[in-house]
C-alpha cells in the first residue's frame, strides 16, 4: 500500500503529455449516468450540464441497478481513472490497491458513503 501512496497521482502527468487542460486531468471524481449529488464539490456547477435534466440520467439510480457495485458504474474521467486503467492493465497490484487509486478523489463516496445503493460490500 505504500507503493500506491507514491504512485496514485502519477496520472496528473497527463497535464504535461497532451491533455486538453486541467479540467480533464485534475479534480474530483463522481458517478456519471445518474443524478449529480449535492455532495459533489461545487454542486451548483452541474446545473449547466445537459445530463442534469435528462429523463434517465437525472434520476437517483439513472442507468444503474441498485446494488450493482462501484466496479460497475462509470466514473468521470480524470487522473484517478487514467492511473487506475493503466495499473489495472499493466500491473499486479491487488484489487484493494486499485480501488485506492480509482476512488481517492471520489469525495461523495469517500466522505459520506453516498450512493450506498451501488455497494456490493463495505
PDB file of N, CA and C in Angstrom:
ATOM      1  N   UNK A   1       0.810  -1.195   0.000  1.00  0.00           N
ATOM      2  CA  UNK A   1       0.000   0.000   0.000  1.00  0.00           C
ATOM      3  C   UNK A   1       0.857   1.265   0.000  1.00  0.00           C
ATOM      4  N   UNK A   2       2.097   1.151   0.518  1.00  0.00           N
ATOM      5  CA  UNK A   2       2.986   2.309   0.473  1.00  0.00           C
ATOM      6  C   UNK A   2       3.296   2.677  -0.976  1.00  0.00           C
ATOM      7  N   UNK A   3       3.442   1.675  -1.842  1.00  0.00           N
ATOM      8  CA  UNK A   3       3.685   1.924  -3.257  1.00  0.00           C
ATOM      9  C   UNK A   3       2.531   2.707  -3.872  1.00  0.00           C
ATOM     10  N   UNK A   4       1.311   2.339  -3.526  1.00  0.00           N
ATOM     11  CA  UNK A   4       0.141   3.041  -4.039  1.00  0.00           C
ATOM     12  C   UNK A   4       0.170   4.502  -3.601  1.00  0.00           C
ATOM     13  N   UNK A   5       0.560   4.747  -2.370  1.00  0.00           N
ATOM     14  CA  UNK A   5       0.662   6.123  -1.893  1.00  0.00           C
ATOM     15  C   UNK A   5       1.651   6.947  -2.702  1.00  0.00           C
ATOM     16  N   UNK A   6       2.690   6.302  -3.209  1.00  0.00           N
ATOM     17  CA  UNK A   6       3.690   7.013  -4.004  1.00  0.00           C
ATOM     18  C   UNK A   6       3.243   7.249  -5.447  1.00  0.00           C
ATOM     19  N   UNK A   7       2.504   6.307  -6.019  1.00  0.00           N
ATOM     20  CA  UNK A   7       2.172   6.399  -7.449  1.00  0.00           C
ATOM     21  C   UNK A   7       0.752   6.853  -7.751  1.00  0.00           C
ATOM     22  N   UNK A   8      -0.088   7.002  -6.741  1.00  0.00           N
ATOM     23  CA  UNK A   8      -1.510   7.217  -7.002  1.00  0.00           C
ATOM     24  C   UNK A   8      -1.802   8.471  -7.823  1.00  0.00           C
ATOM     25  N   UNK A   9      -0.981   9.484  -7.770  1.00  0.00           N
ATOM     26  CA  UNK A   9      -1.237  10.713  -8.515  1.00  0.00           C
ATOM     27  C   UNK A   9      -0.371  10.868  -9.761  1.00  0.00           C
ATOM     28  N   UNK A  10       0.305   9.814 -10.182  1.00  0.00           N
ATOM     29  CA  UNK A  10       1.108   9.914 -11.400  1.00  0.00           C
ATOM     30  C   UNK A  10       0.260  10.251 -12.624  1.00  0.00           C
ATOM     31  N   UNK A  11      -1.012   9.945 -12.574  1.00  0.00           N
ATOM     32  CA  UNK A  11      -1.903  10.290 -13.674  1.00  0.00           C
ATOM     33  C   UNK A  11      -1.951  11.781 -13.962  1.00  0.00           C
ATOM     34  N   UNK A  12      -1.572  12.593 -12.985  1.00  0.00           N
ATOM     35  CA  UNK A  12      -1.545  14.044 -13.201  1.00  0.00           C
ATOM     36  C   UNK A  12      -0.505  14.440 -14.241  1.00  0.00           C
ATOM     37  N   UNK A  13       0.411  13.542 -14.562  1.00  0.00           N
ATOM     38  CA  UNK A  13       1.380  13.821 -15.614  1.00  0.00           C
ATOM     39  C   UNK A  13       0.703  13.998 -16.972  1.00  0.00           C
ATOM     40  N   UNK A  14      -0.532  13.536 -17.092  1.00  0.00           N
ATOM     41  CA  UNK A  14      -1.290  13.751 -18.329  1.00  0.00           C
ATOM     42  C   UNK A  14      -1.326  15.225 -18.690  1.00  0.00           C
ATOM     43  N   UNK A  15      -1.333  16.071 -17.697  1.00  0.00           N
ATOM     44  CA  UNK A  15      -1.382  17.512 -17.932  1.00  0.00           C
ATOM     45  C   UNK A  15      -0.176  17.973 -18.750  1.00  0.00           C
ATOM     46  N   UNK A  16       0.925  17.257 -18.662  1.00  0.00           N
ATOM     47  CA  UNK A  16       2.132  17.585 -19.413  1.00  0.00           C
ATOM     48  C   UNK A  16       2.244  16.801 -20.721  1.00  0.00           C
ATOM     49  N   UNK A  17       1.386  15.799 -20.892  1.00  0.00           N
ATOM     50  CA  UNK A  17       1.528  14.872 -22.014  1.00  0.00           C
ATOM     51  C   UNK A  17       0.366  14.926 -23.002  1.00  0.00           C
ATOM     52  N   UNK A  18      -0.182  16.107 -23.237  1.00  0.00           N
ATOM     53  CA  UNK A  18      -1.178  16.230 -24.291  1.00  0.00           C
ATOM     54  C   UNK A  18      -2.630  16.251 -23.856  1.00  0.00           C
ATOM     55  N   UNK A  19      -2.910  16.518 -22.608  1.00  0.00           N
ATOM     56  CA  UNK A  19      -4.313  16.650 -22.214  1.00  0.00           C
ATOM     57  C   UNK A  19      -4.850  17.959 -22.779  1.00  0.00           C
ATOM     58  N   UNK A  20      -6.142  18.125 -22.720  1.00  0.00           N
ATOM     59  CA  UNK A  20      -6.750  19.352 -23.227  1.00  0.00           C
ATOM     60  C   UNK A  20      -6.725  20.467 -22.199  1.00  0.00           C
ATOM     61  N   UNK A  21      -6.379  20.150 -20.998  1.00  0.00           N
ATOM     62  CA  UNK A  21      -6.319  21.157 -19.945  1.00  0.00           C
ATOM     63  C   UNK A  21      -6.469  20.519 -18.588  1.00  0.00           C
ATOM     64  N   UNK A  22      -6.419  21.341 -17.575  1.00  0.00           N
ATOM     65  CA  UNK A  22      -6.506  20.824 -16.219  1.00  0.00           C
ATOM     66  C   UNK A  22      -7.846  20.134 -15.973  1.00  0.00           C
ATOM     67  N   UNK A  23      -8.908  20.583 -16.635  1.00  0.00           N
ATOM     68  CA  UNK A  23     -10.244  20.033 -16.399  1.00  0.00           C
ATOM     69  C   UNK A  23     -10.323  18.540 -16.666  1.00  0.00           C
ATOM     70  N   UNK A  24      -9.534  18.015 -17.610  1.00  0.00           N
ATOM     71  CA  UNK A  24      -9.642  16.588 -17.920  1.00  0.00           C
ATOM     72  C   UNK A  24      -8.594  15.741 -17.208  1.00  0.00           C
ATOM     73  N   UNK A  25      -7.855  16.347 -16.299  1.00  0.00           N
ATOM     74  CA  UNK A  25      -6.814  15.610 -15.586  1.00  0.00           C
ATOM     75  C   UNK A  25      -7.006  15.678 -14.077  1.00  0.00           C
ATOM     76  N   UNK A  26      -7.126  16.874 -13.541  1.00  0.00           N
ATOM     77  CA  UNK A  26      -7.146  17.075 -12.103  1.00  0.00           C
ATOM     78  C   UNK A  26      -8.569  17.375 -11.651  1.00  0.00           C
ATOM     79  N   UNK A  27      -8.928  16.876 -10.530  1.00  0.00           N
ATOM     80  CA  UNK A  27     -10.232  17.205  -9.991  1.00  0.00           C
ATOM     81  C   UNK A  27     -10.879  16.043  -9.284  1.00  0.00           C
ATOM     82  N   UNK A  28     -12.034  16.326  -8.741  1.00  0.00           N
ATOM     83  CA  UNK A  28     -12.783  15.328  -8.001  1.00  0.00           C
ATOM     84  C   UNK A  28     -13.555  14.461  -8.983  1.00  0.00           C
ATOM     85  N   UNK A  29     -13.759  13.223  -8.614  1.00  0.00           N
ATOM     86  CA  UNK A  29     -14.495  12.313  -9.481  1.00  0.00           C
ATOM     87  C   UNK A  29     -15.884  12.072  -8.922  1.00  0.00           C
ATOM     88  N   UNK A  30     -16.771  11.638  -9.808  1.00  0.00           N
ATOM     89  CA  UNK A  30     -18.158  11.401  -9.439  1.00  0.00           C
ATOM     90  C   UNK A  30     -18.747  10.401 -10.415  1.00  0.00           C
ATOM     91  N   UNK A  31     -19.842   9.775 -10.023  1.00  0.00           N
ATOM     92  CA  UNK A  31     -20.535   8.827 -10.891  1.00  0.00           C
ATOM     93  C   UNK A  31     -21.251   9.606 -11.986  1.00  0.00           C
ATOM     94  N   UNK A  32     -21.171   9.118 -13.217  1.00  0.00           N
ATOM     95  CA  UNK A  32     -21.934   9.689 -14.330  1.00  0.00           C
ATOM     96  C   UNK A  32     -23.017   8.695 -14.727  1.00  0.00           C
ATOM     97  N   UNK A  33     -24.067   9.200 -15.369  1.00  0.00           N
ATOM     98  CA  UNK A  33     -25.172   8.338 -15.776  1.00  0.00           C
ATOM     99  C   UNK A  33     -26.310   8.306 -14.777  1.00  0.00           C
ATOM    100  N   UNK A  34     -26.244   9.165 -13.769  1.00  0.00           N
ATOM    101  CA  UNK A  34     -27.306   9.279 -12.770  1.00  0.00           C
ATOM    102  C   UNK A  34     -27.283  10.706 -12.232  1.00  0.00           C
ATOM    103  N   UNK A  35     -28.233  11.029 -11.383  1.00  0.00           N
ATOM    104  CA  UNK A  35     -28.317  12.392 -10.848  1.00  0.00           C
ATOM    105  C   UNK A  35     -27.021  12.799 -10.162  1.00  0.00           C
ATOM    106  N   UNK A  36     -26.631  14.034 -10.372  1.00  0.00           N
ATOM    107  CA  UNK A  36     -25.450  14.567  -9.695  1.00  0.00           C
ATOM    108  C   UNK A  36     -25.782  14.799  -8.228  1.00  0.00           C
ATOM    109  N   UNK A  37     -24.838  14.495  -7.385  1.00  0.00           N
ATOM    110  CA  UNK A  37     -25.036  14.621  -5.949  1.00  0.00           C
ATOM    111  C   UNK A  37     -24.770  16.036  -5.469  1.00  0.00           C
ATOM    112  N   UNK A  38     -25.524  16.457  -4.489  1.00  0.00           N
ATOM    113  CA  UNK A  38     -25.248  17.731  -3.821  1.00  0.00           C
ATOM    114  C   UNK A  38     -23.965  17.640  -2.999  1.00  0.00           C
ATOM    115  N   UNK A  39     -23.447  16.432  -2.812  1.00  0.00           N
ATOM    116  CA  UNK A  39     -22.196  16.232  -2.085  1.00  0.00           C
ATOM    117  C   UNK A  39     -20.977  16.424  -2.991  1.00  0.00           C
ATOM    118  N   UNK A  40     -21.194  16.550  -4.310  1.00  0.00           N
ATOM    119  CA  UNK A  40     -20.082  16.838  -5.208  1.00  0.00           C
ATOM    120  C   UNK A  40     -19.503  18.202  -4.852  1.00  0.00           C
ATOM    121  N   UNK A  41     -18.231  18.384  -5.142  1.00  0.00           N
ATOM    122  CA  UNK A  41     -17.598  19.666  -4.925  1.00  0.00           C
ATOM    123  C   UNK A  41     -18.203  20.668  -5.924  1.00  0.00           C
ATOM    124  N   UNK A  42     -18.598  21.838  -5.460  1.00  0.00           N
ATOM    125  CA  UNK A  42     -19.264  22.869  -6.273  1.00  0.00           C
ATOM    126  C   UNK A  42     -20.468  22.295  -7.027  1.00  0.00           C
ATOM    127  N   UNK A  43     -21.435  21.760  -6.328  1.00  0.00           N
ATOM    128  CA  UNK A  43     -22.570  21.107  -6.990  1.00  0.00           C
ATOM    129  C   UNK A  43     -23.358  22.036  -7.913  1.00  0.00           C
ATOM    130  N   UNK A  44     -23.334  23.334  -7.636  1.00  0.00           N
ATOM    131  CA  UNK A  44     -24.094  24.270  -8.482  1.00  0.00           C
ATOM    132  C   UNK A  44     -23.554  24.311  -9.910  1.00  0.00           C
ATOM    133  N   UNK A  45     -22.312  23.917 -10.117  1.00  0.00           N
ATOM    134  CA  UNK A  45     -21.736  23.956 -11.461  1.00  0.00           C
ATOM    135  C   UNK A  45     -22.292  22.859 -12.364  1.00  0.00           C
ATOM    136  N   UNK A  46     -22.950  21.882 -11.790  1.00  0.00           N
ATOM    137  CA  UNK A  46     -23.511  20.794 -12.590  1.00  0.00           C
ATOM    138  C   UNK A  46     -24.840  21.174 -13.249  1.00  0.00           C
ATOM    139  N   UNK A  47     -25.434  22.273 -12.845  1.00  0.00           N
ATOM    140  CA  UNK A  47     -26.737  22.688 -13.379  1.00  0.00           C
ATOM    141  C   UNK A  47     -26.686  22.929 -14.880  1.00  0.00           C
ATOM    142  N   UNK A  48     -25.559  23.380 -15.400  1.00  0.00           N
ATOM    143  CA  UNK A  48     -25.434  23.654 -16.834  1.00  0.00           C
ATOM    144  C   UNK A  48     -25.185  22.386 -17.658  1.00  0.00           C
ATOM    145  N   UNK A  49     -24.924  21.275 -16.996  1.00  0.00           N
ATOM    146  CA  UNK A  49     -24.678  20.022 -17.703  1.00  0.00           C
ATOM    147  C   UNK A  49     -26.011  19.464 -18.194  1.00  0.00           C
ATOM    148  N   UNK A  50     -26.148  19.142 -19.484  1.00  0.00           N
ATOM    149  CA  UNK A  50     -27.421  18.628 -20.004  1.00  0.00           C
ATOM    150  C   UNK A  50     -27.902  17.355 -19.307  1.00  0.00           C
ATOM    151  N   UNK A  51     -26.986  16.576 -18.730  1.00  0.00           N
ATOM    152  CA  UNK A  51     -27.400  15.368 -18.013  1.00  0.00           C
ATOM    153  C   UNK A  51     -28.248  15.681 -16.790  1.00  0.00           C
ATOM    154  N   UNK A  52     -28.137  16.901 -16.262  1.00  0.00           N
ATOM    155  CA  UNK A  52     -28.889  17.248 -15.057  1.00  0.00           C
ATOM    156  C   UNK A  52     -30.390  17.331 -15.307  1.00  0.00           C
ATOM    157  N   UNK A  53     -30.805  17.421 -16.558  1.00  0.00           N
ATOM    158  CA  UNK A  53     -32.242  17.445 -16.885  1.00  0.00           C
ATOM    159  C   UNK A  53     -32.648  16.281 -17.784  1.00  0.00           C
ATOM    160  N   UNK A  54     -31.744  15.376 -18.041  1.00  0.00           N
ATOM    161  CA  UNK A  54     -32.041  14.203 -18.881  1.00  0.00           C
ATOM    162  C   UNK A  54     -33.041  13.308 -18.147  1.00  0.00           C
ATOM    163  N   UNK A  55     -34.017  12.746 -18.858  1.00  0.00           N
ATOM    164  CA  UNK A  55     -35.051  11.954 -18.174  1.00  0.00           C
ATOM    165  C   UNK A  55     -34.552  10.699 -17.460  1.00  0.00           C
ATOM    166  N   UNK A  56     -33.436  10.158 -17.865  1.00  0.00           N
ATOM    167  CA  UNK A  56     -32.882   8.980 -17.186  1.00  0.00           C
ATOM    168  C   UNK A  56     -31.688   9.366 -16.320  1.00  0.00           C
ATOM    169  N   UNK A  57     -30.736  10.114 -16.888  1.00  0.00           N
ATOM    170  CA  UNK A  57     -29.509  10.461 -16.172  1.00  0.00           C
ATOM    171  C   UNK A  57     -29.755  11.334 -14.947  1.00  0.00           C
ATOM    172  N   UNK A  58     -30.880  12.000 -14.888  1.00  0.00           N
ATOM    173  CA  UNK A  58     -31.143  12.892 -13.753  1.00  0.00           C
ATOM    174  C   UNK A  58     -31.880  12.197 -12.607  1.00  0.00           C
ATOM    175  N   UNK A  59     -32.097  10.892 -12.730  1.00  0.00           N
ATOM    176  CA  UNK A  59     -32.764  10.158 -11.653  1.00  0.00           C
ATOM    177  C   UNK A  59     -31.732   9.577 -10.681  1.00  0.00           C
ATOM    178  N   UNK A  60     -32.168   9.216  -9.490  1.00  0.00           N
ATOM    179  CA  UNK A  60     -31.264   8.734  -8.451  1.00  0.00           C
ATOM    180  C   UNK A  60     -30.368   7.606  -8.942  1.00  0.00           C
ATOM    181  N   UNK A  61     -30.936   6.577  -9.535  1.00  0.00           N
ATOM    182  CA  UNK A  61     -30.133   5.445  -9.990  1.00  0.00           C
ATOM    183  C   UNK A  61     -29.730   5.552 -11.452  1.00  0.00           C
ATOM    184  N   UNK A  62     -30.399   6.398 -12.225  1.00  0.00           N
ATOM    185  CA  UNK A  62     -30.020   6.593 -13.617  1.00  0.00           C
ATOM    186  C   UNK A  62     -29.978   5.292 -14.395  1.00  0.00           C
ATOM    187  N   UNK A  63     -28.831   5.006 -14.987  1.00  0.00           N
ATOM    188  CA  UNK A  63     -28.674   3.821 -15.833  1.00  0.00           C
ATOM    189  C   UNK A  63     -28.263   2.578 -15.033  1.00  0.00           C
ATOM    190  N   UNK A  64     -28.202   2.698 -13.705  1.00  0.00           N
ATOM    191  CA  UNK A  64     -27.695   1.608 -12.870  1.00  0.00           C
ATOM    192  C   UNK A  64     -28.809   0.933 -12.079  1.00  0.00           C
ATOM    193  N   UNK A  65     -28.559  -0.326 -11.739  1.00  0.00           N
ATOM    194  CA  UNK A  65     -29.461  -1.062 -10.869  1.00  0.00           C
ATOM    195  C   UNK A  65     -28.929  -0.965  -9.446  1.00  0.00           C
ATOM    196  N   UNK A  66     -29.795  -0.781  -8.456  1.00  0.00           N
ATOM    197  CA  UNK A  66     -29.330  -0.756  -7.064  1.00  0.00           C
ATOM    198  C   UNK A  66     -28.531  -2.023  -6.740  1.00  0.00           C
ATOM    199  N   UNK A  67     -27.417  -1.853  -6.047  1.00  0.00           N
ATOM    200  CA  UNK A  67     -26.579  -2.978  -5.676  1.00  0.00           C
ATOM    201  C   UNK A  67     -25.639  -3.453  -6.773  1.00  0.00           C
ATOM    202  N   UNK A  68     -25.503  -2.682  -7.867  1.00  0.00           N
ATOM    203  CA  UNK A  68     -24.668  -3.122  -8.994  1.00  0.00           C
ATOM    204  C   UNK A  68     -23.181  -3.134  -8.670  1.00  0.00           C
ATOM    205  N   UNK A  69     -22.758  -2.390  -7.649  1.00  0.00           N
ATOM    206  CA  UNK A  69     -21.349  -2.353  -7.266  1.00  0.00           C
ATOM    207  C   UNK A  69     -20.610  -1.190  -7.901  1.00  0.00           C
ATOM    208  N   UNK A  70     -19.706  -0.600  -7.145  1.00  0.00           N
ATOM    209  CA  UNK A  70     -18.943   0.534  -7.654  1.00  0.00           C
ATOM    210  C   UNK A  70     -18.099   0.165  -8.865  1.00  0.00           C
ATOM    211  N   UNK A  71     -17.701  -1.087  -8.976  1.00  0.00           N
ATOM    212  CA  UNK A  71     -16.926  -1.511 -10.137  1.00  0.00           C
ATOM    213  C   UNK A  71     -17.748  -1.473 -11.421  1.00  0.00           C
ATOM    214  N   UNK A  72     -19.051  -1.331 -11.291  1.00  0.00           N
ATOM    215  CA  UNK A  72     -19.936  -1.356 -12.461  1.00  0.00           C
ATOM    216  C   UNK A  72     -20.565  -0.017 -12.787  1.00  0.00           C
ATOM    217  N   UNK A  73     -20.108   1.047 -12.153  1.00  0.00           N
ATOM    218  CA  UNK A  73     -20.600   2.380 -12.514  1.00  0.00           C
ATOM    219  C   UNK A  73     -19.491   3.119 -13.251  1.00  0.00           C
ATOM    220  N   UNK A  74     -19.893   4.058 -14.073  1.00  0.00           N
ATOM    221  CA  UNK A  74     -18.932   4.879 -14.809  1.00  0.00           C
ATOM    222  C   UNK A  74     -18.535   6.058 -13.939  1.00  0.00           C
ATOM    223  N   UNK A  75     -17.241   6.301 -13.871  1.00  0.00           N
ATOM    224  CA  UNK A  75     -16.697   7.394 -13.077  1.00  0.00           C
ATOM    225  C   UNK A  75     -16.198   8.464 -14.032  1.00  0.00           C
ATOM    226  N   UNK A  76     -16.383   9.721 -13.676  1.00  0.00           N
ATOM    227  CA  UNK A  76     -15.898  10.808 -14.522  1.00  0.00           C
ATOM    228  C   UNK A  76     -14.405  10.642 -14.795  1.00  0.00           C
ATOM    229  N   UNK A  77     -13.987  11.094 -15.984  1.00  0.00           N
ATOM    230  CA  UNK A  77     -12.593  10.941 -16.390  1.00  0.00           C
ATOM    231  C   UNK A  77     -11.701  11.924 -15.644  1.00  0.00           C
ATOM    232  N   UNK A  78     -10.525  11.476 -15.300  1.00  0.00           N
ATOM    233  CA  UNK A  78      -9.537  12.316 -14.643  1.00  0.00           C
ATOM    234  C   UNK A  78      -8.283  11.516 -14.385  1.00  0.00           C
ATOM    235  N   UNK A  79      -7.368  12.086 -13.640  1.00  0.00           N
ATOM    236  CA  UNK A  79      -6.102  11.408 -13.391  1.00  0.00           C
ATOM    237  C   UNK A  79      -6.285  10.106 -12.612  1.00  0.00           C
ATOM    238  N   UNK A  80      -7.274  10.050 -11.744  1.00  0.00           N
ATOM    239  CA  UNK A  80      -7.508   8.825 -10.975  1.00  0.00           C
ATOM    240  C   UNK A  80      -7.922   7.677 -11.886  1.00  0.00           C
ATOM    241  N   UNK A  81      -8.898   7.941 -12.742  1.00  0.00           N
ATOM    242  CA  UNK A  81      -9.406   6.899 -13.639  1.00  0.00           C
ATOM    243  C   UNK A  81      -8.330   6.481 -14.641  1.00  0.00           C
ATOM    244  N   UNK A  82      -7.546   7.438 -15.108  1.00  0.00           N
ATOM    245  CA  UNK A  82      -6.446   7.113 -16.014  1.00  0.00           C
ATOM    246  C   UNK A  82      -5.442   6.188 -15.334  1.00  0.00           C
ATOM    247  N   UNK A  83      -4.997   6.572 -14.142  1.00  0.00           N
ATOM    248  CA  UNK A  83      -3.991   5.764 -13.440  1.00  0.00           C
ATOM    249  C   UNK A  83      -4.553   4.394 -13.078  1.00  0.00           C
ATOM    250  N   UNK A  84      -5.835   4.351 -12.686  1.00  0.00           N
ATOM    251  CA  UNK A  84      -6.486   3.073 -12.391  1.00  0.00           C
ATOM    252  C   UNK A  84      -6.465   2.163 -13.618  1.00  0.00           C
ATOM    253  N   UNK A  85      -6.806   2.711 -14.775  1.00  0.00           N
ATOM    254  CA  UNK A  85      -6.845   1.921 -16.009  1.00  0.00           C
ATOM    255  C   UNK A  85      -5.466   1.377 -16.342  1.00  0.00           C
ATOM    256  N   UNK A  86      -4.452   2.222 -16.252  1.00  0.00           N
ATOM    257  CA  UNK A  86      -3.085   1.775 -16.537  1.00  0.00           C
ATOM    258  C   UNK A  86      -2.659   0.693 -15.541  1.00  0.00           C
ATOM    259  N   UNK A  87      -2.879   0.937 -14.263  1.00  0.00           N
ATOM    260  CA  UNK A  87      -2.464  -0.023 -13.236  1.00  0.00           C
ATOM    261  C   UNK A  87      -3.220  -1.341 -13.360  1.00  0.00           C
ATOM    262  N   UNK A  88      -4.496  -1.270 -13.670  1.00  0.00           N
ATOM    263  CA  UNK A  88      -5.304  -2.490 -13.802  1.00  0.00           C
ATOM    264  C   UNK A  88      -4.797  -3.356 -14.951  1.00  0.00           C
ATOM    265  N   UNK A  89      -4.417  -2.699 -16.049  1.00  0.00           N
ATOM    266  CA  UNK A  89      -3.986  -3.430 -17.236  1.00  0.00           C
ATOM    267  C   UNK A  89      -2.507  -3.803 -17.221  1.00  0.00           C
ATOM    268  N   UNK A  90      -1.672  -3.059 -16.490  1.00  0.00           N
ATOM    269  CA  UNK A  90      -0.230  -3.244 -16.622  1.00  0.00           C
ATOM    270  C   UNK A  90       0.508  -3.494 -15.310  1.00  0.00           C
ATOM    271  N   UNK A  91      -0.225  -3.852 -14.267  1.00  0.00           N
ATOM    272  CA  UNK A  91       0.465  -4.124 -13.005  1.00  0.00           C
ATOM    273  C   UNK A  91      -0.132  -5.357 -12.342  1.00  0.00           C
ATOM    274  N   UNK A  92       0.494  -5.742 -11.262  1.00  0.00           N
ATOM    275  CA  UNK A  92      -0.019  -6.866 -10.472  1.00  0.00           C
ATOM    276  C   UNK A  92      -0.546  -6.379  -9.128  1.00  0.00           C
ATOM    277  N   UNK A  93      -0.923  -5.099  -9.074  1.00  0.00           N
ATOM    278  CA  UNK A  93      -1.469  -4.558  -7.829  1.00  0.00           C
ATOM    279  C   UNK A  93      -2.751  -5.293  -7.461  1.00  0.00           C
ATOM    280  N   UNK A  94      -2.974  -5.545  -6.169  1.00  0.00           N
ATOM    281  CA  UNK A  94      -4.201  -6.227  -5.741  1.00  0.00           C
ATOM    282  C   UNK A  94      -5.414  -5.303  -5.890  1.00  0.00           C
ATOM    283  N   UNK A  95      -6.615  -5.872  -5.894  1.00  0.00           N
ATOM    284  CA  UNK A  95      -7.836  -5.075  -6.049  1.00  0.00           C
ATOM    285  C   UNK A  95      -7.954  -3.924  -5.050  1.00  0.00           C
ATOM    286  N   UNK A  96      -7.487  -4.134  -3.819  1.00  0.00           N
ATOM    287  CA  UNK A  96      -7.564  -3.076  -2.809  1.00  0.00           C
ATOM    288  C   UNK A  96      -6.723  -1.868  -3.212  1.00  0.00           C
ATOM    289  N   UNK A  97      -5.555  -2.115  -3.786  1.00  0.00           N
ATOM    290  CA  UNK A  97      -4.685  -1.024  -4.235  1.00  0.00           C
ATOM    291  C   UNK A  97      -5.304  -0.298  -5.420  1.00  0.00           C
ATOM    292  N   UNK A  98      -5.881  -1.052  -6.336  1.00  0.00           N
ATOM    293  CA  UNK A  98      -6.544  -0.436  -7.485  1.00  0.00           C
ATOM    294  C   UNK A  98      -7.703   0.443  -7.031  1.00  0.00           C
ATOM    295  N   UNK A  99      -8.447  -0.013  -6.032  1.00  0.00           N
ATOM    296  CA  UNK A  99      -9.559   0.790  -5.504  1.00  0.00           C
ATOM    297  C   UNK A  99      -9.052   2.079  -4.878  1.00  0.00           C
ATOM    298  N   UNK A 100      -7.928   2.021  -4.177  1.00  0.00           N
ATOM    299  CA  UNK A 100      -7.364   3.228  -3.584  1.00  0.00           C
ATOM    300  C   UNK A 100      -7.026   4.255  -4.660  1.00  0.00           C
ATOM    301  N   UNK A 101      -6.451   3.787  -5.758  1.00  0.00           N
ATOM    302  CA  UNK A 101      -6.104   4.690  -6.857  1.00  0.00           C
ATOM    303  C   UNK A 101      -7.358   5.270  -7.484  1.00  0.00           C
ATOM    304  N   UNK A 102      -8.324   4.424  -7.786  1.00  0.00           N
ATOM    305  CA  UNK A 102      -9.518   4.856  -8.517  1.00  0.00           C
ATOM    306  C   UNK A 102     -10.407   5.790  -7.710  1.00  0.00           C
ATOM    307  N   UNK A 103     -10.552   5.539  -6.427  1.00  0.00           N
ATOM    308  CA  UNK A 103     -11.565   6.249  -5.644  1.00  0.00           C
ATOM    309  C   UNK A 103     -11.016   7.315  -4.689  1.00  0.00           C
ATOM    310  N   UNK A 104      -9.739   7.606  -4.697  1.00  0.00           N
ATOM    311  CA  UNK A 104      -9.224   8.534  -3.692  1.00  0.00           C
ATOM    312  C   UNK A 104      -9.727   9.966  -3.864  1.00  0.00           C
ATOM    313  N   UNK A 105     -10.231  10.335  -5.018  1.00  0.00           N
ATOM    314  CA  UNK A 105     -10.823  11.671  -5.203  1.00  0.00           C
ATOM    315  C   UNK A 105     -12.337  11.604  -5.363  1.00  0.00           C
ATOM    316  N   UNK A 106     -12.922  10.482  -5.013  1.00  0.00           N
ATOM    317  CA  UNK A 106     -14.366  10.269  -5.159  1.00  0.00           C
ATOM    318  C   UNK A 106     -15.049  10.707  -3.863  1.00  0.00           C
ATOM    319  N   UNK A 107     -15.051  12.020  -3.641  1.00  0.00           N
ATOM    320  CA  UNK A 107     -15.494  12.574  -2.363  1.00  0.00           C
ATOM    321  C   UNK A 107     -16.934  12.268  -1.977  1.00  0.00           C
ATOM    322  N   UNK A 108     -17.893  12.243  -2.906  1.00  0.00           N
ATOM    323  CA  UNK A 108     -19.251  11.901  -2.468  1.00  0.00           C
ATOM    324  C   UNK A 108     -19.314  10.535  -1.782  1.00  0.00           C
ATOM    325  N   UNK A 109     -18.440   9.623  -2.174  1.00  0.00           N
ATOM    326  CA  UNK A 109     -18.397   8.322  -1.531  1.00  0.00           C
ATOM    327  C   UNK A 109     -17.460   8.333  -0.334  1.00  0.00           C
ATOM    328  N   UNK A 110     -16.257   8.816  -0.545  1.00  0.00           N
ATOM    329  CA  UNK A 110     -15.238   8.762   0.498  1.00  0.00           C
ATOM    330  C   UNK A 110     -15.687   9.500   1.756  1.00  0.00           C
ATOM    331  N   UNK A 111     -16.281  10.682   1.601  1.00  0.00           N
ATOM    332  CA  UNK A 111     -16.629  11.499   2.753  1.00  0.00           C
ATOM    333  C   UNK A 111     -17.978  11.157   3.379  1.00  0.00           C
ATOM    334  N   UNK A 112     -18.918  10.650   2.596  1.00  0.00           N
ATOM    335  CA  UNK A 112     -20.268  10.483   3.129  1.00  0.00           C
ATOM    336  C   UNK A 112     -20.894   9.119   2.870  1.00  0.00           C
ATOM    337  N   UNK A 113     -20.181   8.257   2.184  1.00  0.00           N
ATOM    338  CA  UNK A 113     -20.738   6.960   1.779  1.00  0.00           C
ATOM    339  C   UNK A 113     -22.042   7.131   1.007  1.00  0.00           C
ATOM    340  N   UNK A 114     -22.100   8.207   0.242  1.00  0.00           N
ATOM    341  CA  UNK A 114     -23.242   8.453  -0.619  1.00  0.00           C
ATOM    342  C   UNK A 114     -23.319   7.356  -1.670  1.00  0.00           C
ATOM    343  N   UNK A 115     -24.489   7.126  -2.170  1.00  0.00           N
ATOM    344  CA  UNK A 115     -24.718   6.130  -3.221  1.00  0.00           C
ATOM    345  C   UNK A 115     -24.487   4.718  -2.725  1.00  0.00           C
ATOM    346  N   UNK A 116     -24.859   4.460  -1.494  1.00  0.00           N
ATOM    347  CA  UNK A 116     -24.666   3.121  -0.955  1.00  0.00           C
ATOM    348  C   UNK A 116     -25.494   2.095  -1.713  1.00  0.00           C
ATOM    349  N   UNK A 117     -26.458   2.546  -2.524  1.00  0.00           N
ATOM    350  CA  UNK A 117     -27.233   1.597  -3.306  1.00  0.00           C
ATOM    351  C   UNK A 117     -26.378   0.894  -4.342  1.00  0.00           C
ATOM    352  N   UNK A 118     -25.182   1.425  -4.646  1.00  0.00           N
ATOM    353  CA  UNK A 118     -24.298   0.768  -5.602  1.00  0.00           C
ATOM    354  C   UNK A 118     -23.368  -0.239  -4.952  1.00  0.00           C
ATOM    355  N   UNK A 119     -23.249  -0.194  -3.642  1.00  0.00           N
ATOM    356  CA  UNK A 119     -22.262  -1.024  -2.966  1.00  0.00           C
ATOM    357  C   UNK A 119     -22.670  -2.489  -2.956  1.00  0.00           C
ATOM    358  N   UNK A 120     -21.679  -3.340  -3.182  1.00  0.00           N
ATOM    359  CA  UNK A 120     -21.895  -4.760  -3.036  1.00  0.00           C
ATOM    360  C   UNK A 120     -21.348  -5.246  -1.711  1.00  0.00           C
ATOM    361  N   UNK A 121     -20.387  -4.494  -1.153  1.00  0.00           N
ATOM    362  CA  UNK A 121     -19.831  -4.785   0.175  1.00  0.00           C
ATOM    363  C   UNK A 121     -19.137  -3.534   0.666  1.00  0.00           C
ATOM    364  N   UNK A 122     -18.970  -3.393   1.963  1.00  0.00           N
ATOM    365  CA  UNK A 122     -18.238  -2.268   2.531  1.00  0.00           C
ATOM    366  C   UNK A 122     -16.818  -2.647   2.819  1.00  0.00           C
TER     367      UNK A 122
END
